[in-house]
Amino acid sequence: MQVPEVWFWEDSTFEVYCLREQEYEKVANSELLAELDLSLLNRCLL
C-alpha cells in the first residue's frame, strides 16, 4: 500500500513524510495540506 503522505507525532512535534518514488522523504510542510501551519498546530495541541 503506497500512502502518499504520513505524519508522525513524537516528542510534541509533527514530522511529515512524502512518498518519493519508492521511499519516504521527510518534508517541512504537508503537500496535501499545503496551507496548514504545522508550528501553529503544534502550539494548539500542547
C-alpha atoms as a PDB file:
ATOM      1  CA  MET A   1       0.000   0.000   0.000  1.00  0.00           C
ATOM      2  CA  GLN A   2       1.528   3.303  -1.038  1.00  0.00           C
ATOM      3  CA  VAL A   3       0.273   6.122   1.144  1.00  0.00           C
ATOM      4  CA  PRO A   4       1.283   9.462  -0.428  1.00  0.00           C
ATOM      5  CA  GLU A   5       1.911  11.218   2.889  1.00  0.00           C
ATOM      6  CA  VAL A   6       2.318  10.130   6.508  1.00  0.00           C
ATOM      7  CA  TRP A   7       2.506  12.174   9.690  1.00  0.00           C
ATOM      8  CA  PHE A   8       4.130  11.248  12.978  1.00  0.00           C
ATOM      9  CA  TRP A   9       3.579  12.953  16.321  1.00  0.00           C
ATOM     10  CA  GLU A  10       6.618  12.372  18.502  1.00  0.00           C
ATOM     11  CA  ASP A  11       8.123  14.442  21.315  1.00  0.00           C
ATOM     12  CA  SER A  12       5.403  17.080  20.846  1.00  0.00           C
ATOM     13  CA  THR A  13       6.372  17.646  17.209  1.00  0.00           C
ATOM     14  CA  PHE A  14       4.871  16.664  13.875  1.00  0.00           C
ATOM     15  CA  GLU A  15       7.071  15.060  11.269  1.00  0.00           C
ATOM     16  CA  VAL A  16       5.706  14.786   7.745  1.00  0.00           C
ATOM     17  CA  TYR A  17       6.991  12.343   5.147  1.00  0.00           C
ATOM     18  CA  CYS A  18       6.009  12.239   1.470  1.00  0.00           C
ATOM     19  CA  LEU A  19       6.364   9.251  -0.787  1.00  0.00           C
ATOM     20  CA  ARG A  20       9.033   9.823  -3.421  1.00  0.00           C
ATOM     21  CA  GLU A  21       9.321   7.027  -5.936  1.00  0.00           C
ATOM     22  CA  GLN A  22       9.597   4.007  -3.594  1.00  0.00           C
ATOM     23  CA  GLU A  23      10.663   5.614  -0.293  1.00  0.00           C
ATOM     24  CA  TYR A  24       9.537   8.315   2.092  1.00  0.00           C
ATOM     25  CA  GLU A  25      11.301  11.651   2.386  1.00  0.00           C
ATOM     26  CA  LYS A  26      10.948  13.995   5.359  1.00  0.00           C
ATOM     27  CA  VAL A  27       9.477  17.338   4.302  1.00  0.00           C
ATOM     28  CA  ALA A  28       8.955  20.636   6.117  1.00  0.00           C
ATOM     29  CA  ASN A  29       5.278  21.019   5.144  1.00  0.00           C
ATOM     30  CA  SER A  30       2.426  18.827   4.063  1.00  0.00           C
ATOM     31  CA  GLU A  31       1.879  18.613   0.322  1.00  0.00           C
ATOM     32  CA  LEU A  32      -1.733  17.563   0.802  1.00  0.00           C
ATOM     33  CA  LEU A  33      -2.496  20.392   3.244  1.00  0.00           C
ATOM     34  CA  ALA A  34      -0.025  22.936   1.897  1.00  0.00           C
ATOM     35  CA  GLU A  35      -1.533  25.923   3.708  1.00  0.00           C
ATOM     36  CA  LEU A  36      -1.536  24.248   7.117  1.00  0.00           C
ATOM     37  CA  ASP A  37       0.882  25.893   9.536  1.00  0.00           C
ATOM     38  CA  LEU A  38       2.407  22.937  11.390  1.00  0.00           C
ATOM     39  CA  SER A  39       4.075  25.124  14.021  1.00  0.00           C
ATOM     40  CA  LEU A  40       0.710  26.704  14.850  1.00  0.00           C
ATOM     41  CA  LEU A  41      -0.885  23.265  15.006  1.00  0.00           C
ATOM     42  CA  ASN A  42       1.858  22.111  17.395  1.00  0.00           C
ATOM     43  CA  ARG A  43       1.173  25.048  19.702  1.00  0.00           C
ATOM     44  CA  CYS A  44      -2.590  24.377  19.679  1.00  0.00           C
ATOM     45  CA  LEU A  45      -2.098  20.744  20.676  1.00  0.00           C
ATOM     46  CA  LEU A  46       0.227  21.425  23.598  1.00  0.00           C
END
